[in-house]
Protein backbone atom coordinates (compact mmCIF):
# COMPACT_ATOMS: atom_id res chain seq x y z
CA UNK A 1 -32.68 97.40 7.22
CA UNK A 2 -31.04 96.45 4.29
CA UNK A 3 -30.57 92.98 3.01
CA UNK A 4 -27.62 91.64 4.81
CA UNK A 5 -28.96 93.26 8.18
CA UNK A 6 -31.94 91.41 7.77
CA UNK A 7 -30.27 88.19 6.83
CA UNK A 8 -28.35 88.23 9.64
CA UNK A 9 -31.15 89.81 11.93
CA UNK A 10 -33.31 86.13 10.60
CA UNK A 11 -30.18 84.20 11.48
CA UNK A 12 -30.45 85.27 14.95
CA UNK A 13 -34.01 84.67 15.60
CA UNK A 14 -33.45 81.13 13.87
CA UNK A 15 -30.68 80.07 16.14
CA UNK A 16 -32.46 80.91 19.11
CA UNK A 17 -35.42 79.27 17.86
CA UNK A 18 -33.39 76.06 17.14
CA UNK A 19 -30.85 76.12 20.05
CA UNK A 20 -31.69 73.49 21.79
CA UNK A 21 -31.86 71.12 19.05
CA UNK A 22 -28.23 72.47 17.69
CA UNK A 23 -26.90 71.56 21.01
CA UNK A 24 -28.20 68.19 21.12
CA UNK A 25 -26.48 67.57 17.82
CA UNK A 26 -23.29 69.41 18.27
CA UNK A 27 -22.58 66.91 21.15
CA UNK A 28 -20.60 64.29 20.41
CA UNK A 29 -21.87 61.63 22.27
CA UNK A 30 -25.48 61.89 21.06
CA UNK A 31 -23.88 61.69 17.06
CA UNK A 32 -21.95 58.51 18.03
CA UNK A 33 -24.46 56.88 19.68
CA UNK A 34 -27.12 56.99 16.98
CA UNK A 35 -26.79 55.09 13.26
CA UNK A 36 -26.84 57.06 9.88
CA UNK A 37 -30.50 55.95 9.68
CA UNK A 38 -31.75 57.78 13.27
CA UNK A 39 -29.47 60.73 11.81
CA UNK A 40 -31.30 60.97 8.76
CA UNK A 41 -34.64 60.62 10.68
CA UNK A 42 -33.02 64.02 13.14
CA UNK A 43 -32.28 65.77 9.46
CA UNK A 44 -36.06 65.34 8.50
CA UNK A 45 -37.15 66.37 11.53
CA UNK A 46 -35.13 69.63 11.69
CA UNK A 47 -36.45 70.57 7.92
CA UNK A 48 -40.03 70.13 9.51
CA UNK A 49 -39.83 72.69 11.81
CA UNK A 50 -38.70 74.84 8.72
CA UNK A 51 -41.73 75.80 7.42
CA UNK A 52 -40.47 78.77 5.52
CA UNK A 53 -37.38 76.68 3.92
CA UNK A 54 -34.92 79.55 5.45
CA UNK A 55 -32.73 76.39 6.26
CA UNK A 56 -30.49 74.33 3.68
CA UNK A 57 -27.47 72.05 4.23
CA UNK A 58 -24.70 71.96 1.60
CA UNK A 59 -21.24 69.84 1.56
CA UNK A 60 -19.22 72.66 2.97
CA UNK A 61 -22.09 73.64 5.63
CA UNK A 62 -25.36 74.26 7.12
CA UNK A 63 -26.86 77.49 5.73
CA UNK A 64 -29.81 80.13 7.25
CA UNK A 65 -30.57 82.40 4.83
CA UNK A 66 -27.29 83.66 3.19
CA UNK A 67 -25.41 83.21 6.31
CA UNK A 68 -22.92 79.76 6.41
CA UNK A 69 -22.37 78.31 9.85
């Protein structure tokens, strides 16, 4: 398996692990009802789940491994 195939495989695994969290975050009514402090708290909890540090956030989007979402 080459590195790109491995990155896509890892992406599939992580997306499935965080699927419920992503669904909640992507719900507009959920985001609009939270304060900035609550959103940062949620962000920190998401990063706590990522014990292998695959997940990062950049100004241009959400990144898991080398795949930009």
